[in-house]
């Protein structure tokens, strides 16, 4: 990696309510994160190419090690090269409840309480997902949900994923929502946050009803819960813009050239930014920066004559 280039890992959220950061590593893998507090100005140049983000080793439920890609591989899709994808010990968690295959460290991680949630996004799509107890709040902050409710507590990771599968098959609720769709929803969504809350509440009620039948028949120690998750403070101004239908697409290709803007609001992997000389709040998809190498500096966004959403 060039001495001044920083590898971007997207937006990192803290474990509990706080300020998100643009995650950046230097050539020695030292953190150079930039806090995305309101009013923070960021300028950078995007270098050509996209790079593998490495892989994770899981020692136990409290300790993980991020291993940089040993080959510093250029990639064209995803966030990992084939070597790092095969070595990543966290990947097994998604199929552990069916395969029972996991490293000792991952087994320890999965052998702790987990939560099942129902989340709704700006384009009106609702998903079911899971979160380990320590990342209960952060998981939804990372997802960029507009509204969410926890519907069940489970004693371990295998139990919660079986319930997740039960809701997907029984109610047709998806387990994945594409990042591009989340961004497009902020710009093109026709529902207000109030309407999205009603959608989420109805889905959560249906989920709890099905879970009650499932848990009653299985004798599981998992239990149904009713708990609302609220969008963190940094995301509020984006929600205001969503309700007012005033959000604008970021006016340049974030994967190349130079950019400079002021961070105003953050929701998931989206930054609501202001641009010098232009009015309004622009939606910048920071997920596009994952795996990119950035050079920080006094750069500015050069908007083309015609603005268009770039996903």
C-alpha atoms as a PDB file:
ATOM      1  CA  UNK A   1       0.000   0.000   0.000  1.00  0.00           C
ATOM      2  CA  UNK A   2       1.258   3.483  -0.809  1.00  0.00           C
ATOM      3  CA  UNK A   3       2.646   5.242   2.273  1.00  0.00           C
ATOM      4  CA  UNK A   4      -0.082   7.893   2.264  1.00  0.00           C
ATOM      5  CA  UNK A   5      -2.926   5.622   1.115  1.00  0.00           C
ATOM      6  CA  UNK A   6      -5.527   4.446   3.620  1.00  0.00           C
ATOM      7  CA  UNK A   7      -7.590   1.293   3.098  1.00  0.00           C
ATOM      8  CA  UNK A   8     -11.274   2.031   3.726  1.00  0.00           C
ATOM      9  CA  UNK A   9     -13.468  -0.528   5.494  1.00  0.00           C
ATOM     10  CA  UNK A  10     -16.664   1.516   5.370  1.00  0.00           C
ATOM     11  CA  UNK A  11     -18.444   3.027   8.359  1.00  0.00           C
ATOM     12  CA  UNK A  12     -17.783   1.550  11.789  1.00  0.00           C
ATOM     13  CA  UNK A  13     -20.399   1.998  14.527  1.00  0.00           C
ATOM     14  CA  UNK A  14     -19.650   1.779  18.266  1.00  0.00           C
ATOM     15  CA  UNK A  15     -21.125  -0.991  20.419  1.00  0.00           C
ATOM     16  CA  UNK A  16     -23.544   1.451  22.073  1.00  0.00           C
ATOM     17  CA  UNK A  17     -24.982   4.826  20.987  1.00  0.00           C
ATOM     18  CA  UNK A  18     -22.169   7.135  19.945  1.00  0.00           C
ATOM     19  CA  UNK A  19     -20.371   8.643  16.972  1.00  0.00           C
ATOM     20  CA  UNK A  20     -19.757   6.438  13.901  1.00  0.00           C
ATOM     21  CA  UNK A  21     -16.397   6.552  12.134  1.00  0.00           C
ATOM     22  CA  UNK A  22     -15.107   6.126   8.614  1.00  0.00           C
ATOM     23  CA  UNK A  23     -12.810   3.141   9.137  1.00  0.00           C
ATOM     24  CA  UNK A  24      -9.358   3.650   7.590  1.00  0.00           C
ATOM     25  CA  UNK A  25      -6.134   1.634   7.975  1.00  0.00           C
ATOM     26  CA  UNK A  26      -2.653   2.787   6.989  1.00  0.00           C
ATOM     27  CA  UNK A  27       0.089   0.647   5.408  1.00  0.00           C
ATOM     28  CA  UNK A  28       1.058  -0.730   8.847  1.00  0.00           C
ATOM     29  CA  UNK A  29      -2.604  -1.672   9.578  1.00  0.00           C
ATOM     30  CA  UNK A  30      -2.816   1.089  12.189  1.00  0.00           C
ATOM     31  CA  UNK A  31      -6.228   2.718  12.535  1.00  0.00           C
ATOM     32  CA  UNK A  32      -6.644   6.187  11.051  1.00  0.00           C
ATOM     33  CA  UNK A  33     -10.414   6.338  11.548  1.00  0.00           C
ATOM     34  CA  UNK A  34     -12.225   9.638  10.980  1.00  0.00           C
ATOM     35  CA  UNK A  35     -15.090  10.397  13.366  1.00  0.00           C
ATOM     36  CA  UNK A  36     -18.217  11.392  11.456  1.00  0.00           C
ATOM     37  CA  UNK A  37     -19.486  13.954  13.950  1.00  0.00           C
ATOM     38  CA  UNK A  38     -21.856  16.569  12.549  1.00  0.00           C
ATOM     39  CA  UNK A  39     -19.850  19.298  10.816  1.00  0.00           C
ATOM     40  CA  UNK A  40     -16.769  17.158  10.135  1.00  0.00           C
ATOM     41  CA  UNK A  41     -15.201  17.991   6.792  1.00  0.00           C
ATOM     42  CA  UNK A  42     -13.646  15.129   4.824  1.00  0.00           C
ATOM     43  CA  UNK A  43     -11.533  15.413   1.691  1.00  0.00           C
ATOM     44  CA  UNK A  44      -9.932  12.517  -0.167  1.00  0.00           C
ATOM     45  CA  UNK A  45      -8.756  11.174  -3.501  1.00  0.00           C
ATOM     46  CA  UNK A  46      -9.767   7.621  -4.469  1.00  0.00           C
ATOM     47  CA  UNK A  47      -6.915   5.567  -5.920  1.00  0.00           C
ATOM     48  CA  UNK A  48      -7.601   3.099  -8.752  1.00  0.00           C
ATOM     49  CA  UNK A  49      -8.543  -0.462  -7.822  1.00  0.00           C
ATOM     50  CA  UNK A  50     -10.396  -2.247  -5.021  1.00  0.00           C
ATOM     51  CA  UNK A  51      -8.675  -4.434  -2.475  1.00  0.00           C
ATOM     52  CA  UNK A  52      -9.408  -7.472  -0.329  1.00  0.00           C
ATOM     53  CA  UNK A  53     -10.253  -6.525   3.272  1.00  0.00           C
ATOM     54  CA  UNK A  54      -8.637  -9.635   4.771  1.00  0.00           C
ATOM     55  CA  UNK A  55     -10.268 -12.169   7.088  1.00  0.00           C
ATOM     56  CA  UNK A  56     -11.170 -12.720  10.740  1.00  0.00           C
ATOM     57  CA  UNK A  57     -10.025 -15.329  13.235  1.00  0.00           C
ATOM     58  CA  UNK A  58     -12.223 -15.897  16.294  1.00  0.00           C
ATOM     59  CA  UNK A  59     -10.419 -16.714  19.552  1.00  0.00           C
ATOM     60  CA  UNK A  60     -13.556 -16.726  21.743  1.00  0.00           C
ATOM     61  CA  UNK A  61     -16.761 -14.751  22.248  1.00  0.00           C
ATOM     62  CA  UNK A  62     -14.834 -11.640  23.292  1.00  0.00           C
ATOM     63  CA  UNK A  63     -11.811 -11.662  20.998  1.00  0.00           C
ATOM     64  CA  UNK A  64     -11.346 -11.548  17.231  1.00  0.00           C
ATOM     65  CA  UNK A  65      -8.302 -10.844  15.088  1.00  0.00           C
ATOM     66  CA  UNK A  66      -8.504  -9.092  11.744  1.00  0.00           C
ATOM     67  CA  UNK A  67      -5.833 -10.537   9.474  1.00  0.00           C
ATOM     68  CA  UNK A  68      -4.873  -8.304   6.507  1.00  0.00           C
ATOM     69  CA  UNK A  69      -4.930  -9.994   3.123  1.00  0.00           C
ATOM     70  CA  UNK A  70      -1.521 -11.705   2.864  1.00  0.00           C
ATOM     71  CA  UNK A  71      -1.403 -11.142  -0.901  1.00  0.00           C
ATOM     72  CA  UNK A  72      -2.899  -7.621  -0.919  1.00  0.00           C
ATOM     73  CA  UNK A  73      -5.206  -8.905  -3.620  1.00  0.00           C
ATOM     74  CA  UNK A  74      -7.142  -6.729  -6.045  1.00  0.00           C
ATOM     75  CA  UNK A  75     -10.782  -7.853  -6.249  1.00  0.00           C
ATOM     76  CA  UNK A  76     -13.686  -7.155  -8.582  1.00  0.00           C
ATOM     77  CA  UNK A  77     -16.610  -8.246  -6.402  1.00  0.00           C
ATOM     78  CA  UNK A  78     -17.434  -8.775  -2.744  1.00  0.00           C
ATOM     79  CA  UNK A  79     -14.957  -7.699  -0.063  1.00  0.00           C
ATOM     80  CA  UNK A  80     -12.589 -10.701   0.082  1.00  0.00           C
ATOM     81  CA  UNK A  81     -10.338 -12.681  -2.220  1.00  0.00           C
ATOM     82  CA  UNK A  82     -10.825 -16.464  -2.444  1.00  0.00           C
ATOM     83  CA  UNK A  83      -7.988 -17.141   0.014  1.00  0.00           C
ATOM     84  CA  UNK A  84      -9.347 -14.825   2.717  1.00  0.00           C
ATOM     85  CA  UNK A  85     -12.912 -15.976   2.192  1.00  0.00           C
ATOM     86  CA  UNK A  86     -11.834 -19.579   2.822  1.00  0.00           C
ATOM     87  CA  UNK A  87      -9.814 -18.594   5.903  1.00  0.00           C
ATOM     88  CA  UNK A  88     -12.499 -16.398   7.499  1.00  0.00           C
ATOM     89  CA  UNK A  89     -13.766 -18.169  10.608  1.00  0.00           C
ATOM     90  CA  UNK A  90     -16.873 -15.973  10.921  1.00  0.00           C
ATOM     91  CA  UNK A  91     -18.440 -17.266   7.705  1.00  0.00           C
ATOM     92  CA  UNK A  92     -19.430 -20.564   9.307  1.00  0.00           C
ATOM     93  CA  UNK A  93     -21.813 -18.823  11.730  1.00  0.00           C
ATOM     94  CA  UNK A  94     -24.478 -18.403   9.052  1.00  0.00           C
ATOM     95  CA  UNK A  95     -24.841 -22.149   8.491  1.00  0.00           C
ATOM     96  CA  UNK A  96     -23.779 -23.474  11.898  1.00  0.00           C
ATOM     97  CA  UNK A  97     -27.352 -24.350  12.940  1.00  0.00           C
ATOM     98  CA  UNK A  98     -27.509 -26.769  10.008  1.00  0.00           C
ATOM     99  CA  UNK A  99     -23.920 -27.990   9.642  1.00  0.00           C
ATOM    100  CA  UNK A 100     -22.688 -27.897  13.277  1.00  0.00           C
ATOM    101  CA  UNK A 101     -19.283 -26.934  11.848  1.00  0.00           C
ATOM    102  CA  UNK A 102     -17.331 -24.106  13.468  1.00  0.00           C
ATOM    103  CA  UNK A 103     -13.921 -23.384  14.955  1.00  0.00           C
ATOM    104  CA  UNK A 104     -13.627 -23.610  18.774  1.00  0.00           C
ATOM    105  CA  UNK A 105     -13.514 -19.812  19.032  1.00  0.00           C
ATOM    106  CA  UNK A 106     -16.619 -19.378  16.908  1.00  0.00           C
ATOM    107  CA  UNK A 107     -18.438 -22.033  18.942  1.00  0.00           C
ATOM    108  CA  UNK A 108     -17.697 -20.009  22.068  1.00  0.00           C
ATOM    109  CA  UNK A 109     -19.006 -16.861  20.331  1.00  0.00           C
ATOM    110  CA  UNK A 110     -22.206 -18.633  19.267  1.00  0.00           C
ATOM    111  CA  UNK A 111     -22.715 -20.099  22.747  1.00  0.00           C
ATOM    112  CA  UNK A 112     -24.011 -16.803  24.147  1.00  0.00           C
ATOM    113  CA  UNK A 113     -27.425 -15.086  24.078  1.00  0.00           C
ATOM    114  CA  UNK A 114     -28.644 -13.778  20.729  1.00  0.00           C
ATOM    115  CA  UNK A 115     -31.568 -11.565  19.680  1.00  0.00           C
ATOM    116  CA  UNK A 116     -33.968 -11.874  16.776  1.00  0.00           C
ATOM    117  CA  UNK A 117     -35.173  -8.636  15.202  1.00  0.00           C
ATOM    118  CA  UNK A 118     -37.508  -7.347  12.513  1.00  0.00           C
ATOM    119  CA  UNK A 119     -36.132  -4.314  10.650  1.00  0.00           C
ATOM    120  CA  UNK A 120     -37.757  -2.094   8.024  1.00  0.00           C
ATOM    121  CA  UNK A 121     -35.857   0.076   5.557  1.00  0.00           C
ATOM    122  CA  UNK A 122     -36.593   3.261   3.633  1.00  0.00           C
ATOM    123  CA  UNK A 123     -37.908   1.488   0.528  1.00  0.00           C
ATOM    124  CA  UNK A 124     -40.477  -0.368   2.650  1.00  0.00           C
ATOM    125  CA  UNK A 125     -38.809  -3.788   2.670  1.00  0.00           C
ATOM    126  CA  UNK A 126     -38.714  -5.661   5.983  1.00  0.00           C
ATOM    127  CA  UNK A 127     -36.117  -8.256   6.973  1.00  0.00           C
ATOM    128  CA  UNK A 128     -35.493 -10.625   9.849  1.00  0.00           C
ATOM    129  CA  UNK A 129     -32.029 -10.735  11.367  1.00  0.00           C
ATOM    130  CA  UNK A 130     -29.975 -11.762  14.378  1.00  0.00           C
ATOM    131  CA  UNK A 131     -27.514 -10.096  16.724  1.00  0.00           C
ATOM    132  CA  UNK A 132     -25.253 -11.466  19.455  1.00  0.00           C
ATOM    133  CA  UNK A 133     -25.871  -9.886  22.839  1.00  0.00           C
ATOM    134  CA  UNK A 134     -22.805  -7.565  22.832  1.00  0.00           C
ATOM    135  CA  UNK A 135     -23.681  -6.213  19.365  1.00  0.00           C
ATOM    136  CA  UNK A 136     -27.441  -5.957  19.940  1.00  0.00           C
ATOM    137  CA  UNK A 137     -27.610  -2.186  19.346  1.00  0.00           C
ATOM    138  CA  UNK A 138     -24.715  -1.886  16.901  1.00  0.00           C
ATOM    139  CA  UNK A 139     -25.996  -4.536  14.484  1.00  0.00           C
ATOM    140  CA  UNK A 140     -29.080  -2.488  13.651  1.00  0.00           C
ATOM    141  CA  UNK A 141     -27.087   0.742  13.501  1.00  0.00           C
ATOM    142  CA  UNK A 142     -24.790  -0.900  10.927  1.00  0.00           C
ATOM    143  CA  UNK A 143     -27.792  -2.140   8.948  1.00  0.00           C
ATOM    144  CA  UNK A 144     -29.188   1.351   8.409  1.00  0.00           C
ATOM    145  CA  UNK A 145     -32.710   0.381   9.471  1.00  0.00           C
ATOM    146  CA  UNK A 146     -35.350   3.104   9.712  1.00  0.00           C
ATOM    147  CA  UNK A 147     -37.275   1.242  12.402  1.00  0.00           C
ATOM    148  CA  UNK A 148     -36.793  -2.127  14.104  1.00  0.00           C
ATOM    149  CA  UNK A 149     -38.197  -4.290  16.876  1.00  0.00           C
ATOM    150  CA  UNK A 150     -36.704  -7.211  18.750  1.00  0.00           C
ATOM    151  CA  UNK A 151     -39.075 -10.163  18.765  1.00  0.00           C
ATOM    152  CA  UNK A 152     -37.170 -12.944  20.546  1.00  0.00           C
ATOM    153  CA  UNK A 153     -34.308 -13.701  22.931  1.00  0.00           C
ATOM    154  CA  UNK A 154     -32.435 -16.967  22.449  1.00  0.00           C
ATOM    155  CA  UNK A 155     -29.796 -18.688  24.590  1.00  0.00           C
ATOM    156  CA  UNK A 156     -27.381 -19.236  21.689  1.00  0.00           C
ATOM    157  CA  UNK A 157     -26.626 -18.530  18.047  1.00  0.00           C
ATOM    158  CA  UNK A 158     -27.950 -21.811  16.686  1.00  0.00           C
ATOM    159  CA  UNK A 159     -31.360 -21.349  18.328  1.00  0.00           C
ATOM    160  CA  UNK A 160     -31.785 -17.823  17.003  1.00  0.00           C
ATOM    161  CA  UNK A 161     -30.935 -18.844  13.450  1.00  0.00           C
ATOM    162  CA  UNK A 162     -33.463 -21.652  13.519  1.00  0.00           C
ATOM    163  CA  UNK A 163     -36.111 -19.093  14.513  1.00  0.00           C
ATOM    164  CA  UNK A 164     -34.857 -16.774  11.790  1.00  0.00           C
ATOM    165  CA  UNK A 165     -35.354 -19.532   9.224  1.00  0.00           C
ATOM    166  CA  UNK A 166     -38.817 -20.282  10.649  1.00  0.00           C
ATOM    167  CA  UNK A 167     -39.926 -16.677  10.101  1.00  0.00           C
ATOM    168  CA  UNK A 168     -38.486 -16.592   6.594  1.00  0.00           C
ATOM    169  CA  UNK A 169     -40.273 -19.778   5.556  1.00  0.00           C
ATOM    170  CA  UNK A 170     -43.474 -19.112   7.506  1.00  0.00           C
ATOM    171  CA  UNK A 171     -43.972 -15.425   6.718  1.00  0.00           C
ATOM    172  CA  UNK A 172     -41.820 -14.937   3.643  1.00  0.00           C
ATOM    173  CA  UNK A 173     -39.635 -12.322   5.345  1.00  0.00           C
ATOM    174  CA  UNK A 174     -36.253 -11.924   3.680  1.00  0.00           C
ATOM    175  CA  UNK A 175     -32.963 -12.257   5.562  1.00  0.00           C
ATOM    176  CA  UNK A 176     -31.035  -9.889   3.282  1.00  0.00           C
ATOM    177  CA  UNK A 177     -31.539  -6.388   1.919  1.00  0.00           C
ATOM    178  CA  UNK A 178     -29.109  -5.041  -0.645  1.00  0.00           C
ATOM    179  CA  UNK A 179     -27.136  -1.922   0.284  1.00  0.00           C
ATOM    180  CA  UNK A 180     -28.077  -0.262  -3.003  1.00  0.00           C
ATOM    181  CA  UNK A 181     -31.763  -0.735  -2.231  1.00  0.00           C
ATOM    182  CA  UNK A 182     -31.373   0.939   1.147  1.00  0.00           C
ATOM    183  CA  UNK A 183     -29.794   3.977  -0.482  1.00  0.00           C
ATOM    184  CA  UNK A 184     -32.355   4.088  -3.271  1.00  0.00           C
ATOM    185  CA  UNK A 185     -35.119   3.968  -0.670  1.00  0.00           C
ATOM    186  CA  UNK A 186     -33.855   7.144   0.985  1.00  0.00           C
ATOM    187  CA  UNK A 187     -33.971   8.939  -2.356  1.00  0.00           C
ATOM    188  CA  UNK A 188     -37.087   7.407  -3.890  1.00  0.00           C
ATOM    189  CA  UNK A 189     -39.032   6.086  -0.910  1.00  0.00           C
ATOM    190  CA  UNK A 190     -42.664   7.175  -0.861  1.00  0.00           C
ATOM    191  CA  UNK A 191     -43.391   6.134   2.730  1.00  0.00           C
ATOM    192  CA  UNK A 192     -42.876   8.344   5.765  1.00  0.00           C
ATOM    193  CA  UNK A 193     -41.125   7.099   8.893  1.00  0.00           C
ATOM    194  CA  UNK A 194     -44.572   6.904  10.522  1.00  0.00           C
ATOM    195  CA  UNK A 195     -45.838   4.626   7.762  1.00  0.00           C
ATOM    196  CA  UNK A 196     -42.676   2.505   7.918  1.00  0.00           C
ATOM    197  CA  UNK A 197     -43.174   2.155  11.670  1.00  0.00           C
ATOM    198  CA  UNK A 198     -46.657   0.747  11.085  1.00  0.00           C
ATOM    199  CA  UNK A 199     -45.279  -1.716   8.525  1.00  0.00           C
ATOM    200  CA  UNK A 200     -42.640  -2.827  10.997  1.00  0.00           C
ATOM    201  CA  UNK A 201     -45.069  -3.108  13.906  1.00  0.00           C
ATOM    202  CA  UNK A 202     -47.415  -5.323  11.857  1.00  0.00           C
ATOM    203  CA  UNK A 203     -44.544  -7.552  10.743  1.00  0.00           C
ATOM    204  CA  UNK A 204     -43.268  -7.857  14.326  1.00  0.00           C
ATOM    205  CA  UNK A 205     -46.743  -8.792  15.573  1.00  0.00           C
ATOM    206  CA  UNK A 206     -47.038 -11.512  12.922  1.00  0.00           C
ATOM    207  CA  UNK A 207     -43.546 -12.729  13.790  1.00  0.00           C
ATOM    208  CA  UNK A 208     -44.326 -13.009  17.503  1.00  0.00           C
ATOM    209  CA  UNK A 209     -47.545 -14.897  16.740  1.00  0.00           C
ATOM    210  CA  UNK A 210     -45.709 -17.474  14.618  1.00  0.00           C
ATOM    211  CA  UNK A 211     -42.882 -17.710  17.137  1.00  0.00           C
ATOM    212  CA  UNK A 212     -45.371 -18.416  19.929  1.00  0.00           C
ATOM    213  CA  UNK A 213     -46.620 -21.454  18.022  1.00  0.00           C
ATOM    214  CA  UNK A 214     -43.112 -22.579  17.170  1.00  0.00           C
ATOM    215  CA  UNK A 215     -41.704 -22.215  20.684  1.00  0.00           C
ATOM    216  CA  UNK A 216     -44.751 -23.795  22.276  1.00  0.00           C
ATOM    217  CA  UNK A 217     -44.285 -26.918  20.187  1.00  0.00           C
ATOM    218  CA  UNK A 218     -40.509 -27.166  20.572  1.00  0.00           C
ATOM    219  CA  UNK A 219     -40.121 -26.645  24.321  1.00  0.00           C
ATOM    220  CA  UNK A 220     -37.228 -24.243  23.667  1.00  0.00           C
ATOM    221  CA  UNK A 221     -35.855 -21.931  26.360  1.00  0.00           C
ATOM    222  CA  UNK A 222     -35.984 -19.064  23.856  1.00  0.00           C
ATOM    223  CA  UNK A 223     -38.607 -16.446  24.671  1.00  0.00           C
ATOM    224  CA  UNK A 224     -40.631 -13.807  22.866  1.00  0.00           C
ATOM    225  CA  UNK A 225     -39.774 -10.171  23.638  1.00  0.00           C
ATOM    226  CA  UNK A 226     -41.268  -6.782  22.798  1.00  0.00           C
ATOM    227  CA  UNK A 227     -38.613  -4.129  22.507  1.00  0.00           C
ATOM    228  CA  UNK A 228     -38.291  -1.170  20.124  1.00  0.00           C
ATOM    229  CA  UNK A 229     -34.979  -0.076  18.606  1.00  0.00           C
ATOM    230  CA  UNK A 230     -34.557   3.604  17.776  1.00  0.00           C
ATOM    231  CA  UNK A 231     -32.450   5.185  15.057  1.00  0.00           C
ATOM    232  CA  UNK A 232     -29.291   6.682  16.605  1.00  0.00           C
ATOM    233  CA  UNK A 233     -29.024  10.452  16.896  1.00  0.00           C
ATOM    234  CA  UNK A 234     -26.529  10.808  13.997  1.00  0.00           C
ATOM    235  CA  UNK A 235     -29.188   9.488  11.591  1.00  0.00           C
ATOM    236  CA  UNK A 236     -32.039  11.809  12.542  1.00  0.00           C
ATOM    237  CA  UNK A 237     -31.405  14.496   9.902  1.00  0.00           C
ATOM    238  CA  UNK A 238     -31.498  11.890   7.147  1.00  0.00           C
ATOM    239  CA  UNK A 239     -34.894  10.783   8.475  1.00  0.00           C
ATOM    240  CA  UNK A 240     -36.093  14.389   8.415  1.00  0.00           C
ATOM    241  CA  UNK A 241     -34.998  14.595   4.786  1.00  0.00           C
ATOM    242  CA  UNK A 242     -36.729  11.293   4.017  1.00  0.00           C
ATOM    243  CA  UNK A 243     -40.024  12.591   5.433  1.00  0.00           C
ATOM    244  CA  UNK A 244     -39.659  15.882   3.577  1.00  0.00           C
ATOM    245  CA  UNK A 245     -38.629  14.072   0.363  1.00  0.00           C
ATOM    246  CA  UNK A 246     -35.777  16.579   0.125  1.00  0.00           C
ATOM    247  CA  UNK A 247     -32.759  14.249  -0.038  1.00  0.00           C
ATOM    248  CA  UNK A 248     -30.600  14.446  -3.154  1.00  0.00           C
ATOM    249  CA  UNK A 249     -28.277  11.864  -4.753  1.00  0.00           C
ATOM    250  CA  UNK A 250     -24.578  12.452  -4.286  1.00  0.00           C
ATOM    251  CA  UNK A 251     -23.577  14.221  -7.517  1.00  0.00           C
ATOM    252  CA  UNK A 252     -20.379  12.325  -8.384  1.00  0.00           C
ATOM    253  CA  UNK A 253     -18.963   8.807  -8.667  1.00  0.00           C
ATOM    254  CA  UNK A 254     -17.690   8.013  -5.164  1.00  0.00           C
ATOM    255  CA  UNK A 255     -15.446   5.201  -6.435  1.00  0.00           C
ATOM    256  CA  UNK A 256     -13.056   7.449  -8.340  1.00  0.00           C
ATOM    257  CA  UNK A 257     -11.513  10.946  -8.501  1.00  0.00           C
ATOM    258  CA  UNK A 258     -11.547  13.577  -5.732  1.00  0.00           C
ATOM    259  CA  UNK A 259     -14.202  14.346  -3.141  1.00  0.00           C
ATOM    260  CA  UNK A 260     -14.714  16.826  -0.357  1.00  0.00           C
ATOM    261  CA  UNK A 261     -17.822  17.396   1.750  1.00  0.00           C
ATOM    262  CA  UNK A 262     -19.110  18.002   5.273  1.00  0.00           C
ATOM    263  CA  UNK A 263     -20.712  15.154   7.206  1.00  0.00           C
ATOM    264  CA  UNK A 264     -24.145  16.129   8.537  1.00  0.00           C
ATOM    265  CA  UNK A 265     -25.924  12.836   9.266  1.00  0.00           C
ATOM    266  CA  UNK A 266     -25.080   9.121   9.233  1.00  0.00           C
ATOM    267  CA  UNK A 267     -27.423   6.141   8.819  1.00  0.00           C
ATOM    268  CA  UNK A 268     -25.912   2.680   8.433  1.00  0.00           C
ATOM    269  CA  UNK A 269     -23.361   2.984   5.623  1.00  0.00           C
ATOM    270  CA  UNK A 270     -24.870   6.229   4.302  1.00  0.00           C
ATOM    271  CA  UNK A 271     -23.519   9.713   4.986  1.00  0.00           C
ATOM    272  CA  UNK A 272     -25.799  12.698   4.536  1.00  0.00           C
ATOM    273  CA  UNK A 273     -23.415  15.418   3.367  1.00  0.00           C
ATOM    274  CA  UNK A 274     -23.391  19.075   2.470  1.00  0.00           C
ATOM    275  CA  UNK A 275     -21.315  20.246  -0.481  1.00  0.00           C
ATOM    276  CA  UNK A 276     -19.781  23.693  -0.705  1.00  0.00           C
ATOM    277  CA  UNK A 277     -21.620  25.907  -3.161  1.00  0.00           C
ATOM    278  CA  UNK A 278     -24.712  23.681  -3.265  1.00  0.00           C
ATOM    279  CA  UNK A 279     -27.825  23.587  -1.139  1.00  0.00           C
ATOM    280  CA  UNK A 280     -29.529  20.602   0.404  1.00  0.00           C
ATOM    281  CA  UNK A 281     -28.524  17.276   1.935  1.00  0.00           C
ATOM    282  CA  UNK A 282     -26.872  14.737  -0.384  1.00  0.00           C
ATOM    283  CA  UNK A 283     -26.936  10.961   0.129  1.00  0.00           C
ATOM    284  CA  UNK A 284     -23.431   9.472  -0.188  1.00  0.00           C
ATOM    285  CA  UNK A 285     -23.196   5.669  -0.135  1.00  0.00           C
ATOM    286  CA  UNK A 286     -20.007   5.005   1.860  1.00  0.00           C
ATOM    287  CA  UNK A 287     -20.359   1.269   1.209  1.00  0.00           C
ATOM    288  CA  UNK A 288     -18.904   2.065  -2.222  1.00  0.00           C
ATOM    289  CA  UNK A 289     -15.638   2.997  -0.491  1.00  0.00           C
ATOM    290  CA  UNK A 290     -15.094  -0.438   1.059  1.00  0.00           C
ATOM    291  CA  UNK A 291     -11.851  -1.858  -0.241  1.00  0.00           C
ATOM    292  CA  UNK A 292     -10.831   1.446  -1.836  1.00  0.00           C
ATOM    293  CA  UNK A 293      -7.589   3.202  -0.985  1.00  0.00           C
ATOM    294  CA  UNK A 294      -7.954   6.874  -0.130  1.00  0.00           C
ATOM    295  CA  UNK A 295      -5.507   9.743   0.138  1.00  0.00           C
ATOM    296  CA  UNK A 296      -6.792  12.360   2.560  1.00  0.00           C
ATOM    297  CA  UNK A 297      -6.342  16.010   1.648  1.00  0.00           C
ATOM    298  CA  UNK A 298      -8.047  19.339   0.843  1.00  0.00           C
ATOM    299  CA  UNK A 299     -10.034  17.877  -2.039  1.00  0.00           C
ATOM    300  CA  UNK A 300     -13.490  18.994  -3.184  1.00  0.00           C
ATOM    301  CA  UNK A 301     -16.383  17.300  -4.919  1.00  0.00           C
ATOM    302  CA  UNK A 302     -16.683  18.344  -8.534  1.00  0.00           C
ATOM    303  CA  UNK A 303     -20.289  17.894  -9.488  1.00  0.00           C
ATOM    304  CA  UNK A 304     -21.153  17.196 -13.142  1.00  0.00           C
ATOM    305  CA  UNK A 305     -23.705  19.444 -14.873  1.00  0.00           C
ATOM    306  CA  UNK A 306     -26.367  16.734 -14.600  1.00  0.00           C
ATOM    307  CA  UNK A 307     -26.712  14.990 -11.245  1.00  0.00           C
ATOM    308  CA  UNK A 308     -27.663  11.327 -11.151  1.00  0.00           C
ATOM    309  CA  UNK A 309     -27.869   8.700  -8.431  1.00  0.00           C
ATOM    310  CA  UNK A 310     -24.935   6.305  -8.566  1.00  0.00           C
ATOM    311  CA  UNK A 311     -25.491   2.872  -7.085  1.00  0.00           C
END
